[in-house]
């Protein structure tokens, strides 16, 4: 019980000092940058695949859009979690 109290006090001290806010901001930025890199790699691979097999362009394009949407969804969760750490 005493350890829990000490941990809660340490967490409150870190949050009030701005360390949690800085961590949340950095986390949100990293999530956004990682999403950009991921979508760029998906697009690059899709273009290379279409160049090799032009007859499969529609299938490749559909899969590329689906994969990019999933990456963006995960990145959105990361950005929201980071911003919540900054605000709360």
N, C-alpha and C. Protein backbone atom coordinates (compact mmCIF):
# COMPACT_ATOMS: atom_id res chain seq x y z
N UNK A 1 0.82 -1.19 0.00
CA UNK A 1 0.00 0.00 0.00
C UNK A 1 0.87 1.26 0.00
N UNK A 2 1.96 1.21 0.75
CA UNK A 2 2.84 2.35 0.82
C UNK A 2 3.58 2.56 -0.51
N UNK A 3 3.92 1.47 -1.19
CA UNK A 3 4.59 1.57 -2.49
C UNK A 3 3.67 2.21 -3.52
N UNK A 4 2.40 1.86 -3.47
CA UNK A 4 1.43 2.45 -4.39
C UNK A 4 1.32 3.95 -4.18
N UNK A 5 1.33 4.38 -2.95
CA UNK A 5 1.25 5.81 -2.65
C UNK A 5 2.48 6.54 -3.17
N UNK A 6 3.65 5.94 -3.01
CA UNK A 6 4.88 6.56 -3.50
C UNK A 6 4.86 6.66 -5.02
N UNK A 7 4.39 5.60 -5.68
CA UNK A 7 4.32 5.63 -7.15
C UNK A 7 3.33 6.68 -7.63
N UNK A 8 2.21 6.82 -6.97
CA UNK A 8 1.23 7.82 -7.36
C UNK A 8 1.78 9.23 -7.19
N UNK A 9 2.52 9.46 -6.11
CA UNK A 9 3.13 10.77 -5.90
C UNK A 9 4.19 11.07 -6.95
N UNK A 10 4.95 10.06 -7.33
CA UNK A 10 5.97 10.25 -8.37
C UNK A 10 5.33 10.56 -9.71
N UNK A 11 4.22 9.88 -10.02
CA UNK A 11 3.52 10.13 -11.27
C UNK A 11 2.94 11.53 -11.31
N UNK A 12 2.37 11.97 -10.20
CA UNK A 12 1.83 13.33 -10.13
C UNK A 12 2.92 14.37 -10.26
N UNK A 13 4.08 14.10 -9.67
CA UNK A 13 5.19 15.05 -9.77
C UNK A 13 5.70 15.15 -11.20
N UNK A 14 5.77 14.00 -11.90
CA UNK A 14 6.23 14.03 -13.30
C UNK A 14 5.22 14.74 -14.18
N UNK A 15 3.94 14.52 -13.93
CA UNK A 15 2.91 15.16 -14.75
C UNK A 15 2.89 16.66 -14.53
N UNK A 16 3.08 17.07 -13.29
CA UNK A 16 3.03 18.51 -13.01
C UNK A 16 4.29 19.22 -13.50
N UNK A 17 5.39 18.49 -13.65
CA UNK A 17 6.63 19.13 -14.09
C UNK A 17 6.69 19.32 -15.61
N UNK A 18 5.76 18.75 -16.32
CA UNK A 18 5.75 18.91 -17.76
C UNK A 18 6.44 17.79 -18.50
N UNK A 19 7.02 16.84 -17.76
CA UNK A 19 7.71 15.73 -18.40
C UNK A 19 6.74 14.86 -19.19
N UNK A 20 5.56 14.64 -18.65
CA UNK A 20 4.55 13.84 -19.35
C UNK A 20 4.07 14.56 -20.60
N UNK A 21 3.94 15.87 -20.52
CA UNK A 21 3.51 16.64 -21.69
C UNK A 21 4.55 16.59 -22.81
N UNK A 22 5.81 16.68 -22.43
CA UNK A 22 6.86 16.60 -23.44
C UNK A 22 6.90 15.21 -24.06
N UNK A 23 6.74 14.19 -23.24
CA UNK A 23 6.71 12.82 -23.77
C UNK A 23 5.54 12.59 -24.70
N UNK A 24 4.38 13.13 -24.37
CA UNK A 24 3.23 13.00 -25.24
C UNK A 24 3.42 13.70 -26.56
N UNK A 25 4.02 14.89 -26.52
CA UNK A 25 4.26 15.62 -27.76
C UNK A 25 5.26 14.90 -28.65
N UNK A 26 6.32 14.37 -28.05
CA UNK A 26 7.31 13.62 -28.82
C UNK A 26 6.69 12.35 -29.40
N UNK A 27 5.88 11.68 -28.61
CA UNK A 27 5.22 10.46 -29.09
C UNK A 27 4.28 10.73 -30.25
N UNK A 28 3.53 11.81 -30.17
CA UNK A 28 2.62 12.17 -31.26
C UNK A 28 3.40 12.49 -32.54
N UNK A 29 4.52 13.18 -32.39
CA UNK A 29 5.35 13.50 -33.55
C UNK A 29 5.97 12.27 -34.18
N UNK A 30 6.44 11.37 -33.35
CA UNK A 30 7.03 10.13 -33.88
C UNK A 30 5.97 9.30 -34.60
N UNK A 31 4.75 9.25 -34.06
CA UNK A 31 3.69 8.49 -34.71
C UNK A 31 3.36 9.07 -36.08
N UNK A 32 3.32 10.39 -36.18
CA UNK A 32 3.02 11.03 -37.47
C UNK A 32 4.13 10.80 -38.48
N UNK A 33 5.38 10.90 -38.04
CA UNK A 33 6.51 10.69 -38.95
C UNK A 33 6.57 9.23 -39.41
N UNK A 34 6.35 8.31 -38.48
CA UNK A 34 6.38 6.89 -38.83
C UNK A 34 5.27 6.54 -39.83
N UNK A 35 4.11 7.16 -39.67
CA UNK A 35 3.02 6.91 -40.62
C UNK A 35 3.39 7.41 -42.01
N UNK A 36 4.01 8.57 -42.08
CA UNK A 36 4.44 9.09 -43.38
C UNK A 36 5.45 8.19 -44.06
N UNK A 37 6.38 7.67 -43.29
CA UNK A 37 7.38 6.76 -43.85
C UNK A 37 6.71 5.47 -44.31
N UNK A 38 5.79 4.96 -43.49
CA UNK A 38 5.10 3.71 -43.83
C UNK A 38 4.27 3.83 -45.10
N UNK A 39 3.51 4.90 -45.22
CA UNK A 39 2.70 5.10 -46.43
C UNK A 39 3.59 5.32 -47.64
N UNK A 40 4.71 6.00 -47.45
CA UNK A 40 5.65 6.17 -48.56
C UNK A 40 6.21 4.84 -49.05
N UNK A 41 6.55 3.96 -48.12
CA UNK A 41 7.05 2.64 -48.51
C UNK A 41 5.97 1.81 -49.20
N UNK A 42 4.74 1.93 -48.74
CA UNK A 42 3.64 1.21 -49.39
C UNK A 42 3.46 1.70 -50.82
N UNK A 43 3.47 3.01 -51.00
CA UNK A 43 3.32 3.57 -52.35
C UNK A 43 4.47 3.19 -53.27
N UNK A 44 5.68 3.22 -52.73
CA UNK A 44 6.86 2.84 -53.53
C UNK A 44 6.76 1.39 -53.99
N UNK A 45 6.40 0.51 -53.07
CA UNK A 45 6.29 -0.91 -53.42
C UNK A 45 5.17 -1.15 -54.42
N UNK A 46 4.07 -0.43 -54.26
CA UNK A 46 2.96 -0.59 -55.19
C UNK A 46 3.35 -0.13 -56.60
N UNK A 47 4.04 0.98 -56.69
CA UNK A 47 4.47 1.46 -58.00
C UNK A 47 5.44 0.50 -58.67
N UNK A 48 6.35 -0.05 -57.88
CA UNK A 48 7.28 -1.03 -58.44
C UNK A 48 6.54 -2.28 -58.90
N UNK A 49 5.55 -2.71 -58.15
CA UNK A 49 4.78 -3.89 -58.53
C UNK A 49 3.97 -3.65 -59.80
N UNK A 50 3.37 -2.47 -59.89
CA UNK A 50 2.60 -2.14 -61.10
C UNK A 50 3.52 -2.06 -62.31
N UNK A 51 4.74 -1.55 -62.12
CA UNK A 51 5.68 -1.47 -63.24
C UNK A 51 6.08 -2.86 -63.73
N UNK A 52 6.14 -3.83 -62.82
CA UNK A 52 6.51 -5.19 -63.20
C UNK A 52 5.35 -5.95 -63.82
N UNK A 53 4.13 -5.73 -63.29
CA UNK A 53 2.95 -6.42 -63.80
C UNK A 53 1.82 -5.42 -64.01
N UNK A 54 1.81 -4.74 -65.13
CA UNK A 54 0.78 -3.72 -65.37
C UNK A 54 -0.64 -4.29 -65.41
N UNK A 55 -0.78 -5.56 -65.76
CA UNK A 55 -2.12 -6.14 -65.84
C UNK A 55 -2.75 -6.33 -64.47
N UNK A 56 -1.96 -6.29 -63.40
CA UNK A 56 -2.48 -6.46 -62.04
C UNK A 56 -2.60 -5.12 -61.32
N UNK A 57 -2.66 -4.03 -62.07
CA UNK A 57 -2.65 -2.70 -61.47
C UNK A 57 -3.86 -2.46 -60.57
N UNK A 58 -5.04 -2.90 -60.98
CA UNK A 58 -6.23 -2.65 -60.17
C UNK A 58 -6.17 -3.38 -58.83
N UNK A 59 -5.73 -4.64 -58.85
CA UNK A 59 -5.62 -5.39 -57.61
C UNK A 59 -4.56 -4.79 -56.68
N UNK A 60 -3.43 -4.41 -57.26
CA UNK A 60 -2.35 -3.82 -56.46
C UNK A 60 -2.80 -2.49 -55.86
N UNK A 61 -3.49 -1.69 -56.65
CA UNK A 61 -3.95 -0.38 -56.17
C UNK A 61 -4.94 -0.54 -55.01
N UNK A 62 -5.85 -1.49 -55.13
CA UNK A 62 -6.83 -1.72 -54.06
C UNK A 62 -6.14 -2.16 -52.77
N UNK A 63 -5.18 -3.06 -52.90
CA UNK A 63 -4.46 -3.50 -51.71
C UNK A 63 -3.60 -2.39 -51.13
N UNK A 64 -3.05 -1.53 -51.98
CA UNK A 64 -2.25 -0.41 -51.49
C UNK A 64 -3.11 0.55 -50.69
N UNK A 65 -4.30 0.86 -51.18
CA UNK A 65 -5.17 1.79 -50.47
C UNK A 65 -5.61 1.22 -49.13
N UNK A 66 -5.91 -0.07 -49.10
CA UNK A 66 -6.30 -0.71 -47.85
C UNK A 66 -5.16 -0.69 -46.83
N UNK A 67 -3.96 -1.03 -47.27
CA UNK A 67 -2.81 -1.03 -46.36
C UNK A 67 -2.50 0.38 -45.85
N UNK A 68 -2.58 1.36 -46.73
CA UNK A 68 -2.31 2.75 -46.31
C UNK A 68 -3.37 3.23 -45.32
N UNK A 69 -4.61 2.83 -45.51
CA UNK A 69 -5.66 3.22 -44.57
C UNK A 69 -5.44 2.59 -43.20
N UNK A 70 -4.98 1.35 -43.17
CA UNK A 70 -4.70 0.71 -41.88
C UNK A 70 -3.53 1.38 -41.17
N UNK A 71 -2.50 1.74 -41.92
CA UNK A 71 -1.36 2.43 -41.32
C UNK A 71 -1.79 3.79 -40.77
N UNK A 72 -2.60 4.51 -41.52
CA UNK A 72 -3.07 5.82 -41.07
C UNK A 72 -3.95 5.69 -39.84
N UNK A 73 -4.75 4.62 -39.77
CA UNK A 73 -5.59 4.41 -38.60
C UNK A 73 -4.78 4.19 -37.34
N UNK A 74 -3.75 3.37 -37.44
CA UNK A 74 -2.88 3.12 -36.29
C UNK A 74 -2.15 4.40 -35.90
N UNK A 75 -1.71 5.16 -36.88
CA UNK A 75 -1.01 6.41 -36.59
C UNK A 75 -1.93 7.42 -35.92
N UNK A 76 -3.19 7.43 -36.32
CA UNK A 76 -4.15 8.33 -35.69
C UNK A 76 -4.32 8.00 -34.21
N UNK A 77 -4.37 6.70 -33.88
CA UNK A 77 -4.44 6.31 -32.48
C UNK A 77 -3.21 6.79 -31.72
N UNK A 78 -2.04 6.68 -32.32
CA UNK A 78 -0.81 7.13 -31.68
C UNK A 78 -0.79 8.63 -31.44
N UNK A 79 -1.25 9.38 -32.43
CA UNK A 79 -1.28 10.84 -32.29
C UNK A 79 -2.29 11.25 -31.23
N UNK A 80 -3.46 10.61 -31.23
CA UNK A 80 -4.48 10.94 -30.22
C UNK A 80 -3.98 10.62 -28.82
N UNK A 81 -3.32 9.47 -28.65
CA UNK A 81 -2.77 9.10 -27.33
C UNK A 81 -1.72 10.12 -26.90
N UNK A 82 -0.87 10.54 -27.82
CA UNK A 82 0.13 11.55 -27.48
C UNK A 82 -0.48 12.88 -27.10
N UNK A 83 -1.49 13.31 -27.84
CA UNK A 83 -2.13 14.57 -27.53
C UNK A 83 -2.91 14.50 -26.23
N UNK A 84 -3.49 13.35 -25.94
CA UNK A 84 -4.17 13.19 -24.65
C UNK A 84 -3.17 13.29 -23.50
N UNK A 85 -1.97 12.77 -23.70
CA UNK A 85 -0.95 12.89 -22.67
C UNK A 85 -0.54 14.34 -22.46
N UNK A 86 -0.58 15.13 -23.52
CA UNK A 86 -0.23 16.54 -23.40
C UNK A 86 -1.35 17.30 -22.67
N UNK A 87 -2.59 17.01 -23.03
CA UNK A 87 -3.73 17.76 -22.48
C UNK A 87 -4.05 17.33 -21.06
N UNK A 88 -4.08 16.03 -20.85
CA UNK A 88 -4.47 15.54 -19.52
C UNK A 88 -3.26 15.40 -18.70
